[in-house]
Amino acid sequence: MGAVVLAVTLFMNWRDGRDRQSSVLQASLRKPKSRREMFLEKVLASVLGSVVAVLGWPWALGFAWQSRREDRQRAQRKAEAVFRVRPQDLGRQIEVTEVEALVRVQDPLSAVPDVPFGHLNAVWQAFVAERPPNAELWSFACDWTSDWSVTFARQGYVWVQGDECAPWVLTRDALKEEAGEG
């Protein structure tokens, strides 16, 4: 509301400043303002501005409240769009040694290191080192939709401690084909 009053004031000052720059001839030709024009300019404009300011503040307050609510909702949607392993995504409990035996790459040309997960062994070792106390290793699989509405088929392993499923490591993150495409 204050912005509107400021804009009107600036416009009136700009208009008056422009009028002051007019030639002397134009000033002499201009007729004096009537009482009606003086009343409209001095009294009615001030009264209307005051009424708008008094009645407009609830609208401005409501607008600010609505904006704040939308910001909170946007933050909540953004937080929900982050990938998390949910309890319903869990497959089966598994041991670290069993996973390492399953994912060892057999490469007859020895282009891939003979360690679990091959070239990605450092990622696996960092994941194993992050194990929370008393956590169990579980496999998981789920479909996850990003905030851009793209669906991925994800699989991996997660440390489960009570109801908490974190941290996790992905072993498969594939774009899921939509039914009816191609």
N, C-alpha and C. Protein backbone atom coordinates (compact mmCIF):
# COMPACT_ATOMS: atom_id res chain seq x y z
N MET A 1 0.83 -1.18 0.00
CA MET A 1 0.00 0.00 0.00
C MET A 1 0.88 1.24 0.00
N GLY A 2 1.93 1.20 0.80
CA GLY A 2 2.84 2.33 0.85
C GLY A 2 3.51 2.56 -0.49
N ALA A 3 3.71 1.46 -1.25
CA ALA A 3 4.33 1.58 -2.56
C ALA A 3 3.43 2.35 -3.52
N VAL A 4 2.13 2.13 -3.41
CA VAL A 4 1.17 2.85 -4.27
C VAL A 4 1.20 4.34 -3.94
N VAL A 5 1.17 4.65 -2.65
CA VAL A 5 1.20 6.07 -2.25
C VAL A 5 2.51 6.71 -2.70
N LEU A 6 3.62 5.99 -2.55
CA LEU A 6 4.91 6.51 -2.99
C LEU A 6 4.92 6.74 -4.49
N ALA A 7 4.38 5.78 -5.25
CA ALA A 7 4.35 5.93 -6.71
C ALA A 7 3.52 7.13 -7.12
N VAL A 8 2.35 7.32 -6.49
CA VAL A 8 1.50 8.48 -6.82
C VAL A 8 2.21 9.77 -6.46
N THR A 9 2.85 9.81 -5.32
CA THR A 9 3.58 11.02 -4.90
C THR A 9 4.71 11.33 -5.87
N LEU A 10 5.47 10.32 -6.25
CA LEU A 10 6.55 10.54 -7.19
C LEU A 10 6.04 11.00 -8.55
N PHE A 11 4.93 10.42 -8.98
CA PHE A 11 4.35 10.83 -10.25
C PHE A 11 3.90 12.29 -10.19
N MET A 12 3.26 12.67 -9.09
CA MET A 12 2.79 14.06 -8.97
C MET A 12 3.98 15.02 -8.92
N ASN A 13 5.05 14.66 -8.22
CA ASN A 13 6.25 15.50 -8.19
C ASN A 13 6.89 15.59 -9.57
N TRP A 14 6.93 14.49 -10.28
CA TRP A 14 7.50 14.48 -11.63
C TRP A 14 6.67 15.37 -12.55
N ARG A 15 5.34 15.24 -12.43
CA ARG A 15 4.44 16.05 -13.25
C ARG A 15 4.60 17.53 -12.92
N ASP A 16 4.69 17.85 -11.60
CA ASP A 16 4.85 19.25 -11.20
C ASP A 16 6.20 19.80 -11.66
N GLY A 17 7.24 18.98 -11.58
CA GLY A 17 8.57 19.39 -12.02
C GLY A 17 8.59 19.66 -13.52
N ARG A 18 7.88 18.84 -14.25
CA ARG A 18 7.79 19.03 -15.70
C ARG A 18 7.05 20.33 -16.01
N ASP A 19 6.00 20.58 -15.21
CA ASP A 19 5.24 21.82 -15.42
C ASP A 19 6.10 23.04 -15.13
N ARG A 20 6.98 22.97 -14.13
CA ARG A 20 7.83 24.11 -13.80
C ARG A 20 8.81 24.44 -14.92
N GLN A 21 9.15 23.43 -15.70
CA GLN A 21 10.09 23.64 -16.78
C GLN A 21 9.43 24.21 -18.04
N SER A 22 8.13 24.30 -18.03
CA SER A 22 7.44 24.83 -19.22
C SER A 22 7.76 26.31 -19.39
N SER A 23 7.51 26.75 -20.57
CA SER A 23 7.89 28.14 -20.90
C SER A 23 7.01 29.14 -20.17
N VAL A 24 7.51 30.34 -20.11
CA VAL A 24 6.78 31.43 -19.47
C VAL A 24 5.48 31.69 -20.22
N LEU A 25 5.50 31.52 -21.53
CA LEU A 25 4.31 31.74 -22.33
C LEU A 25 3.21 30.77 -21.93
N GLN A 26 3.58 29.51 -21.75
CA GLN A 26 2.58 28.53 -21.34
C GLN A 26 2.04 28.86 -19.96
N ALA A 27 2.89 29.31 -19.07
CA ALA A 27 2.45 29.66 -17.72
C ALA A 27 1.48 30.83 -17.76
N SER A 28 1.72 31.77 -18.64
CA SER A 28 0.82 32.92 -18.72
C SER A 28 -0.50 32.55 -19.36
N LEU A 29 -0.51 31.53 -20.22
CA LEU A 29 -1.75 31.11 -20.88
C LEU A 29 -2.59 30.18 -20.01
N ARG A 30 -1.98 29.58 -19.03
CA ARG A 30 -2.69 28.63 -18.19
C ARG A 30 -3.65 29.39 -17.28
N LYS A 31 -4.87 28.91 -17.25
CA LYS A 31 -5.86 29.58 -16.40
C LYS A 31 -5.72 29.07 -14.97
N PRO A 32 -6.10 29.82 -14.00
CA PRO A 32 -6.02 29.38 -12.61
C PRO A 32 -6.99 28.22 -12.36
N LYS A 33 -6.65 27.40 -11.38
CA LYS A 33 -7.50 26.25 -11.07
C LYS A 33 -8.78 26.71 -10.42
N SER A 34 -9.85 26.00 -10.78
CA SER A 34 -11.15 26.31 -10.17
C SER A 34 -11.19 25.76 -8.75
N ARG A 35 -12.23 26.15 -8.03
CA ARG A 35 -12.40 25.66 -6.66
C ARG A 35 -12.60 24.14 -6.66
N ARG A 36 -13.31 23.67 -7.65
CA ARG A 36 -13.57 22.22 -7.77
C ARG A 36 -12.25 21.48 -7.97
N GLU A 37 -11.38 21.96 -8.85
CA GLU A 37 -10.09 21.33 -9.10
C GLU A 37 -9.21 21.38 -7.85
N MET A 38 -9.25 22.49 -7.15
CA MET A 38 -8.46 22.62 -5.92
C MET A 38 -8.97 21.63 -4.86
N PHE A 39 -10.31 21.50 -4.74
CA PHE A 39 -10.90 20.57 -3.79
C PHE A 39 -10.48 19.13 -4.12
N LEU A 40 -10.59 18.77 -5.41
CA LEU A 40 -10.21 17.41 -5.82
C LEU A 40 -8.74 17.13 -5.53
N GLU A 41 -7.90 18.10 -5.81
CA GLU A 41 -6.45 17.90 -5.64
C GLU A 41 -6.03 17.89 -4.18
N LYS A 42 -6.53 18.81 -3.42
CA LYS A 42 -6.06 18.96 -2.03
C LYS A 42 -6.79 18.08 -1.02
N VAL A 43 -8.11 17.99 -1.12
CA VAL A 43 -8.89 17.30 -0.10
C VAL A 43 -9.23 15.87 -0.50
N LEU A 44 -9.88 15.71 -1.64
CA LEU A 44 -10.38 14.39 -2.02
C LEU A 44 -9.23 13.39 -2.23
N ALA A 45 -8.15 13.81 -2.85
CA ALA A 45 -7.02 12.91 -3.07
C ALA A 45 -6.44 12.45 -1.74
N SER A 46 -6.31 13.35 -0.78
CA SER A 46 -5.78 12.99 0.54
C SER A 46 -6.71 12.05 1.27
N VAL A 47 -8.01 12.34 1.23
CA VAL A 47 -9.00 11.50 1.91
C VAL A 47 -9.02 10.11 1.28
N LEU A 48 -9.05 10.03 -0.05
CA LEU A 48 -9.07 8.72 -0.71
C LEU A 48 -7.79 7.93 -0.42
N GLY A 49 -6.66 8.60 -0.43
CA GLY A 49 -5.40 7.93 -0.10
C GLY A 49 -5.42 7.37 1.31
N SER A 50 -5.94 8.14 2.26
CA SER A 50 -6.03 7.68 3.65
C SER A 50 -6.98 6.50 3.79
N VAL A 51 -8.13 6.58 3.12
CA VAL A 51 -9.11 5.49 3.19
C VAL A 51 -8.52 4.20 2.60
N VAL A 52 -7.84 4.32 1.47
CA VAL A 52 -7.23 3.14 0.86
C VAL A 52 -6.17 2.56 1.78
N ALA A 53 -5.37 3.41 2.42
CA ALA A 53 -4.33 2.94 3.33
C ALA A 53 -4.95 2.24 4.54
N VAL A 54 -6.02 2.80 5.10
CA VAL A 54 -6.66 2.22 6.28
C VAL A 54 -7.35 0.91 5.95
N LEU A 55 -8.05 0.87 4.81
CA LEU A 55 -8.77 -0.35 4.45
C LEU A 55 -7.88 -1.38 3.77
N GLY A 56 -6.74 -0.96 3.24
CA GLY A 56 -5.88 -1.87 2.49
C GLY A 56 -4.91 -2.67 3.32
N TRP A 57 -4.63 -2.26 4.56
CA TRP A 57 -3.64 -2.99 5.35
C TRP A 57 -4.04 -4.44 5.63
N PRO A 58 -5.33 -4.75 5.86
CA PRO A 58 -5.65 -6.18 6.07
C PRO A 58 -5.34 -7.02 4.82
N TRP A 59 -5.57 -6.44 3.65
CA TRP A 59 -5.27 -7.15 2.42
C TRP A 59 -3.76 -7.40 2.32
N ALA A 60 -2.96 -6.40 2.63
CA ALA A 60 -1.51 -6.54 2.58
C ALA A 60 -1.04 -7.58 3.59
N LEU A 61 -1.63 -7.59 4.78
CA LEU A 61 -1.28 -8.57 5.79
C LEU A 61 -1.66 -9.98 5.32
N GLY A 62 -2.84 -10.13 4.72
CA GLY A 62 -3.27 -11.42 4.18
C GLY A 62 -2.36 -11.89 3.06
N PHE A 63 -1.94 -10.97 2.22
CA PHE A 63 -1.03 -11.31 1.13
C PHE A 63 0.30 -11.80 1.67
N ALA A 64 0.82 -11.14 2.70
CA ALA A 64 2.09 -11.56 3.31
C ALA A 64 1.95 -12.94 3.95
N TRP A 65 0.84 -13.19 4.62
CA TRP A 65 0.59 -14.48 5.25
C TRP A 65 0.51 -15.58 4.19
N GLN A 66 -0.21 -15.32 3.10
CA GLN A 66 -0.36 -16.29 2.01
C GLN A 66 1.00 -16.60 1.39
N SER A 67 1.81 -15.58 1.20
CA SER A 67 3.13 -15.76 0.61
C SER A 67 4.01 -16.62 1.52
N ARG A 68 3.95 -16.38 2.79
CA ARG A 68 4.75 -17.16 3.75
C ARG A 68 4.29 -18.62 3.76
N ARG A 69 2.98 -18.85 3.70
CA ARG A 69 2.43 -20.20 3.67
C ARG A 69 2.88 -20.95 2.41
N GLU A 70 2.87 -20.27 1.27
CA GLU A 70 3.32 -20.88 0.02
C GLU A 70 4.81 -21.22 0.08
N ASP A 71 5.60 -20.37 0.73
CA ASP A 71 7.03 -20.65 0.88
C ASP A 71 7.25 -21.91 1.71
N ARG A 72 6.47 -22.06 2.79
CA ARG A 72 6.59 -23.26 3.62
C ARG A 72 6.18 -24.51 2.84
N GLN A 73 5.10 -24.41 2.06
CA GLN A 73 4.65 -25.55 1.26
C GLN A 73 5.69 -25.92 0.20
N ARG A 74 6.31 -24.92 -0.41
CA ARG A 74 7.34 -25.16 -1.41
C ARG A 74 8.54 -25.86 -0.77
N ALA A 75 8.93 -25.42 0.41
CA ALA A 75 10.04 -26.06 1.12
C ALA A 75 9.71 -27.50 1.49
N GLN A 76 8.46 -27.74 1.88
CA GLN A 76 8.04 -29.10 2.23
C GLN A 76 8.06 -30.00 1.00
N ARG A 77 7.56 -29.51 -0.15
CA ARG A 77 7.59 -30.30 -1.38
C ARG A 77 9.02 -30.61 -1.80
N LYS A 78 9.92 -29.63 -1.61
CA LYS A 78 11.32 -29.84 -1.96
C LYS A 78 11.95 -30.90 -1.06
N ALA A 79 11.62 -30.86 0.23
CA ALA A 79 12.15 -31.86 1.17
C ALA A 79 11.61 -33.26 0.85
N GLU A 80 10.35 -33.34 0.43
CA GLU A 80 9.75 -34.63 0.10
C GLU A 80 10.31 -35.19 -1.19
N ALA A 81 10.83 -34.34 -2.07
CA ALA A 81 11.36 -34.79 -3.35
C ALA A 81 12.74 -35.43 -3.22
N VAL A 82 13.37 -35.31 -2.05
CA VAL A 82 14.69 -35.91 -1.83
C VAL A 82 14.50 -37.42 -1.66
N PHE A 83 15.39 -38.17 -2.29
CA PHE A 83 15.29 -39.63 -2.22
C PHE A 83 15.59 -40.13 -0.81
N ARG A 84 14.74 -41.02 -0.35
CA ARG A 84 14.92 -41.69 0.93
C ARG A 84 14.50 -43.15 0.76
N VAL A 85 15.17 -44.02 1.46
CA VAL A 85 14.76 -45.42 1.48
C VAL A 85 13.69 -45.55 2.56
N ARG A 86 12.54 -46.08 2.16
CA ARG A 86 11.43 -46.25 3.10
C ARG A 86 11.37 -47.71 3.55
N PRO A 87 10.78 -47.97 4.71
CA PRO A 87 10.69 -49.38 5.19
C PRO A 87 10.02 -50.32 4.18
N GLN A 88 9.04 -49.84 3.43
CA GLN A 88 8.37 -50.71 2.45
C GLN A 88 9.25 -51.04 1.24
N ASP A 89 10.38 -50.33 1.08
CA ASP A 89 11.30 -50.59 -0.03
C ASP A 89 12.31 -51.69 0.29
N LEU A 90 12.38 -52.08 1.55
CA LEU A 90 13.40 -53.04 1.97
C LEU A 90 13.14 -54.42 1.39
N GLY A 91 14.23 -55.08 1.01
CA GLY A 91 14.14 -56.44 0.47
C GLY A 91 14.41 -57.45 1.56
N ARG A 92 15.70 -57.81 1.73
CA ARG A 92 16.06 -58.79 2.76
C ARG A 92 17.33 -58.35 3.46
N GLN A 93 17.48 -58.85 4.67
CA GLN A 93 18.70 -58.57 5.42
C GLN A 93 19.82 -59.41 4.81
N ILE A 94 21.01 -58.82 4.75
CA ILE A 94 22.14 -59.47 4.09
C ILE A 94 23.42 -59.08 4.81
N GLU A 95 24.43 -59.91 4.73
CA GLU A 95 25.72 -59.65 5.36
C GLU A 95 26.66 -58.97 4.36
N VAL A 96 27.60 -58.18 4.88
CA VAL A 96 28.55 -57.47 4.02
C VAL A 96 29.35 -58.46 3.19
N THR A 97 29.79 -59.54 3.80
CA THR A 97 30.60 -60.53 3.07
C THR A 97 29.79 -61.18 1.94
N GLU A 98 28.50 -61.39 2.18
CA GLU A 98 27.64 -61.97 1.14
C GLU A 98 27.48 -61.01 -0.04
N VAL A 99 27.31 -59.72 0.24
CA VAL A 99 27.21 -58.72 -0.83
C VAL A 99 28.51 -58.69 -1.61
N GLU A 100 29.63 -58.68 -0.92
CA GLU A 100 30.92 -58.60 -1.59
C GLU A 100 31.17 -59.82 -2.48
N ALA A 101 30.65 -60.97 -2.08
CA ALA A 101 30.79 -62.17 -2.92
C ALA A 101 29.88 -62.08 -4.14
N LEU A 102 28.69 -61.51 -3.97
CA LEU A 102 27.73 -61.41 -5.08
C LEU A 102 28.16 -60.40 -6.15
N VAL A 103 28.81 -59.34 -5.76
CA VAL A 103 29.07 -58.24 -6.69
C VAL A 103 30.51 -58.22 -7.21
N ARG A 104 31.27 -59.24 -6.91
CA ARG A 104 32.65 -59.30 -7.42
C ARG A 104 32.58 -59.50 -8.94
N VAL A 105 33.28 -58.67 -9.67
CA VAL A 105 33.28 -58.70 -11.13
C VAL A 105 34.30 -59.72 -11.60
N GLN A 106 33.84 -60.65 -12.44
CA GLN A 106 34.74 -61.66 -13.03
C GLN A 106 35.12 -61.17 -14.43
N ASP A 107 36.32 -60.61 -14.55
CA ASP A 107 36.80 -60.08 -15.82
C ASP A 107 38.02 -60.87 -16.28
N PRO A 108 37.89 -61.69 -17.33
CA PRO A 108 39.02 -62.50 -17.79
C PRO A 108 40.19 -61.66 -18.33
N LEU A 109 39.92 -60.42 -18.73
CA LEU A 109 40.98 -59.56 -19.26
C LEU A 109 41.64 -58.72 -18.18
N SER A 110 41.17 -58.81 -16.98
CA SER A 110 41.69 -58.07 -15.82
C SER A 110 41.66 -56.55 -16.02
N ALA A 111 40.65 -56.06 -16.74
CA ALA A 111 40.49 -54.61 -16.91
C ALA A 111 39.81 -54.01 -15.69
N VAL A 112 39.08 -54.85 -14.96
CA VAL A 112 38.38 -54.40 -13.75
C VAL A 112 39.11 -54.98 -12.55
N PRO A 113 39.38 -54.20 -11.53
CA PRO A 113 40.06 -54.73 -10.34
C PRO A 113 39.27 -55.88 -9.72
N ASP A 114 39.96 -56.85 -9.21
CA ASP A 114 39.32 -58.03 -8.62
C ASP A 114 38.94 -57.76 -7.17
N VAL A 115 38.06 -56.79 -6.98
CA VAL A 115 37.54 -56.41 -5.67
C VAL A 115 36.03 -56.21 -5.80
N PRO A 116 35.29 -56.24 -4.69
CA PRO A 116 33.84 -56.01 -4.79
C PRO A 116 33.53 -54.67 -5.46
N PHE A 117 32.59 -54.67 -6.35
CA PHE A 117 32.13 -53.50 -7.11
C PHE A 117 33.19 -52.94 -8.07
N GLY A 118 34.27 -53.66 -8.28
CA GLY A 118 35.28 -53.27 -9.27
C GLY A 118 35.83 -51.88 -9.04
N HIS A 119 35.68 -51.02 -10.06
CA HIS A 119 36.21 -49.66 -9.98
C HIS A 119 35.50 -48.82 -8.91
N LEU A 120 34.33 -49.24 -8.50
CA LEU A 120 33.56 -48.48 -7.49
C LEU A 120 33.79 -49.01 -6.07
N ASN A 121 34.84 -49.77 -5.88
CA ASN A 121 35.12 -50.35 -4.57
C ASN A 121 35.32 -49.28 -3.50
N ALA A 122 35.90 -48.14 -3.84
CA ALA A 122 36.13 -47.09 -2.84
C ALA A 122 34.79 -46.56 -2.31
N VAL A 123 33.79 -46.49 -3.18
CA VAL A 123 32.46 -46.04 -2.74
C VAL A 123 31.87 -47.07 -1.77
N TRP A 124 32.00 -48.36 -2.10
CA TRP A 124 31.50 -49.41 -1.23
C TRP A 124 32.22 -49.39 0.12
N GLN A 125 33.53 -49.24 0.10
CA GLN A 125 34.29 -49.22 1.35
C GLN A 125 33.89 -48.02 2.22
N ALA A 126 33.65 -46.87 1.60
CA ALA A 126 33.20 -45.70 2.36
C ALA A 126 31.82 -45.95 2.97
N PHE A 127 30.94 -46.63 2.21
CA PHE A 127 29.60 -46.96 2.71
C PHE A 127 29.70 -47.91 3.91
N VAL A 128 30.53 -48.92 3.81
CA VAL A 128 30.71 -49.87 4.91
C VAL A 128 31.27 -49.16 6.14
N ALA A 129 32.17 -48.21 5.92
CA ALA A 129 32.78 -47.47 7.04
C ALA A 129 31.75 -46.55 7.73
N GLU A 130 30.68 -46.17 7.02
CA GLU A 130 29.65 -45.29 7.59
C GLU A 130 28.63 -46.04 8.45
N ARG A 131 28.81 -47.32 8.62
CA ARG A 131 27.83 -48.14 9.34
C ARG A 131 27.55 -47.57 10.73
N PRO A 132 26.27 -47.23 10.98
CA PRO A 132 25.91 -46.79 12.34
C PRO A 132 26.04 -47.95 13.32
N PRO A 133 26.21 -47.65 14.60
CA PRO A 133 26.33 -48.73 15.59
C PRO A 133 25.07 -49.62 15.60
N ASN A 134 25.28 -50.92 15.64
CA ASN A 134 24.19 -51.92 15.72
C ASN A 134 23.26 -51.90 14.51
N ALA A 135 23.68 -51.34 13.39
CA ALA A 135 22.82 -51.31 12.19
C ALA A 135 22.95 -52.61 11.42
N GLU A 136 21.87 -52.96 10.72
CA GLU A 136 21.85 -54.17 9.89
C GLU A 136 21.84 -53.75 8.43
N LEU A 137 22.49 -54.54 7.58
CA LEU A 137 22.53 -54.25 6.16
C LEU A 137 21.35 -54.92 5.47
N TRP A 138 20.60 -54.13 4.70
CA TRP A 138 19.45 -54.63 3.96
C TRP A 138 19.58 -54.21 2.51
N SER A 139 18.99 -55.04 1.64
CA SER A 139 18.88 -54.64 0.24
C SER A 139 17.57 -53.87 0.10
N PHE A 140 17.50 -53.02 -0.92
CA PHE A 140 16.24 -52.32 -1.19
C PHE A 140 16.05 -52.17 -2.70
N ALA A 141 14.80 -51.97 -3.08
CA ALA A 141 14.43 -51.71 -4.47
C ALA A 141 13.16 -50.88 -4.46
N CYS A 142 13.14 -49.85 -5.30
CA CYS A 142 11.95 -49.00 -5.35
C CYS A 142 11.93 -48.21 -6.66
N ASP A 143 10.78 -47.66 -6.95
CA ASP A 143 10.64 -46.67 -8.02
C ASP A 143 10.58 -45.32 -7.35
N TRP A 144 11.36 -44.38 -7.85
CA TRP A 144 11.41 -43.04 -7.27
C TRP A 144 11.17 -42.03 -8.36
N THR A 145 10.28 -41.07 -8.09
CA THR A 145 9.96 -40.02 -9.04
C THR A 145 10.59 -38.73 -8.56
N SER A 146 11.39 -38.11 -9.43
CA SER A 146 12.06 -36.86 -9.08
C SER A 146 11.06 -35.71 -9.10
N ASP A 147 11.51 -34.54 -8.66
CA ASP A 147 10.61 -33.39 -8.65
C ASP A 147 10.32 -32.89 -10.06
N TRP A 148 10.96 -33.46 -11.08
CA TRP A 148 10.65 -33.14 -12.48
C TRP A 148 9.76 -34.21 -13.10
N SER A 149 9.19 -35.08 -12.27
CA SER A 149 8.29 -36.14 -12.69
C SER A 149 8.96 -37.17 -13.59
N VAL A 150 10.23 -37.44 -13.35
CA VAL A 150 10.95 -38.50 -14.05
C VAL A 150 11.09 -39.66 -13.07
N THR A 151 10.73 -40.87 -13.52
CA THR A 151 10.74 -42.03 -12.63
C THR A 151 11.98 -42.87 -12.88
N PHE A 152 12.62 -43.27 -11.78
CA PHE A 152 13.81 -44.09 -11.82
C PHE A 152 13.56 -45.38 -11.05
N ALA A 153 14.11 -46.49 -11.56
CA ALA A 153 14.11 -47.76 -10.82
C ALA A 153 15.43 -47.79 -10.05
N ARG A 154 15.35 -47.85 -8.73
CA ARG A 154 16.55 -47.79 -7.90
C ARG A 154 16.68 -49.04 -7.05
N GLN A 155 17.92 -49.50 -6.95
CA GLN A 155 18.24 -50.65 -6.10
C GLN A 155 19.54 -50.34 -5.39
N GLY A 156 19.74 -51.00 -4.26
CA GLY A 156 20.98 -50.80 -3.53
C GLY A 156 20.94 -51.44 -2.17
N TYR A 157 21.77 -50.90 -1.30
CA TYR A 157 21.88 -51.41 0.06
C TYR A 157 21.77 -50.24 1.03
N VAL A 158 21.22 -50.55 2.21
CA VAL A 158 21.00 -49.50 3.20
C VAL A 158 21.27 -50.07 4.59
N TRP A 159 21.78 -49.22 5.46
CA TRP A 159 21.94 -49.58 6.87
C TRP A 159 20.63 -49.28 7.57
N VAL A 160 20.08 -50.27 8.26
CA VAL A 160 18.80 -50.12 8.97
C VAL A 160 19.07 -50.23 10.46
N GLN A 161 18.59 -49.20 11.16
CA GLN A 161 18.72 -49.18 12.62
C GLN A 161 17.37 -48.75 13.17
N GLY A 162 16.60 -49.70 13.66
CA GLY A 162 15.24 -49.41 14.13
C GLY A 162 14.37 -49.03 12.93
N ASP A 163 13.78 -47.84 12.99
CA ASP A 163 12.94 -47.36 11.89
C ASP A 163 13.73 -46.51 10.89
N GLU A 164 14.98 -46.23 11.20
CA GLU A 164 15.78 -45.35 10.35
C GLU A 164 16.49 -46.15 9.27
N CYS A 165 16.36 -45.71 8.03
CA CYS A 165 16.99 -46.36 6.88
C CYS A 165 17.99 -45.39 6.25
N ALA A 166 19.20 -45.36 6.77
CA ALA A 166 20.23 -44.47 6.23
C ALA A 166 21.54 -44.82 6.90
N PRO A 167 22.64 -44.63 6.27
CA PRO A 167 22.85 -44.20 4.89
C PRO A 167 22.60 -45.35 3.91
N TRP A 168 22.56 -45.02 2.64
CA TRP A 168 22.31 -46.01 1.59
C TRP A 168 23.31 -45.81 0.46
N VAL A 169 23.45 -46.85 -0.36
CA VAL A 169 24.29 -46.80 -1.55
C VAL A 169 23.49 -47.42 -2.69
N LEU A 170 23.53 -46.76 -3.84
CA LEU A 170 22.81 -47.26 -5.02
C LEU A 170 23.70 -48.19 -5.83
N THR A 171 23.10 -49.29 -6.28
CA THR A 171 23.80 -50.18 -7.20
C THR A 171 23.13 -50.16 -8.57
N ARG A 172 21.92 -49.62 -8.63
CA ARG A 172 21.20 -49.48 -9.90
C ARG A 172 20.33 -48.24 -9.81
N ASP A 173 20.44 -47.39 -10.83
CA ASP A 173 19.64 -46.17 -10.90
C ASP A 173 19.29 -45.96 -12.37
N ALA A 174 18.25 -46.64 -12.82
CA ALA A 174 17.92 -46.66 -14.23
C ALA A 174 16.63 -45.88 -14.50
N LEU A 175 16.63 -45.15 -15.59
CA LEU A 175 15.42 -44.44 -16.01
C LEU A 175 14.36 -45.46 -16.34
N LYS A 176 13.20 -45.29 -15.75
CA LYS A 176 12.13 -46.27 -15.96
C LYS A 176 11.31 -45.84 -17.17
N GLU A 177 11.14 -46.75 -18.10
CA GLU A 177 10.37 -46.45 -19.31
C GLU A 177 8.89 -46.36 -18.97
N GLU A 178 8.24 -45.37 -19.55
CA GLU A 178 6.81 -45.19 -19.31
C GLU A 178 6.04 -46.24 -20.11
N ALA A 179 4.96 -46.74 -19.54
CA ALA A 179 4.11 -47.68 -20.26
C ALA A 179 3.45 -46.97 -21.43
N GLY A 180 3.44 -47.57 -22.59
CA GLY A 180 2.82 -46.95 -23.75
C GLY A 180 3.80 -46.19 -24.63
N GLU A 181 5.06 -46.06 -24.19
CA GLU A 181 6.07 -45.39 -25.01
C GLU A 181 6.76 -46.40 -25.90
N GLY A 182 7.22 -45.95 -27.06
CA GLY A 182 8.12 -46.68 -27.92
C GLY A 182 7.55 -47.85 -28.55
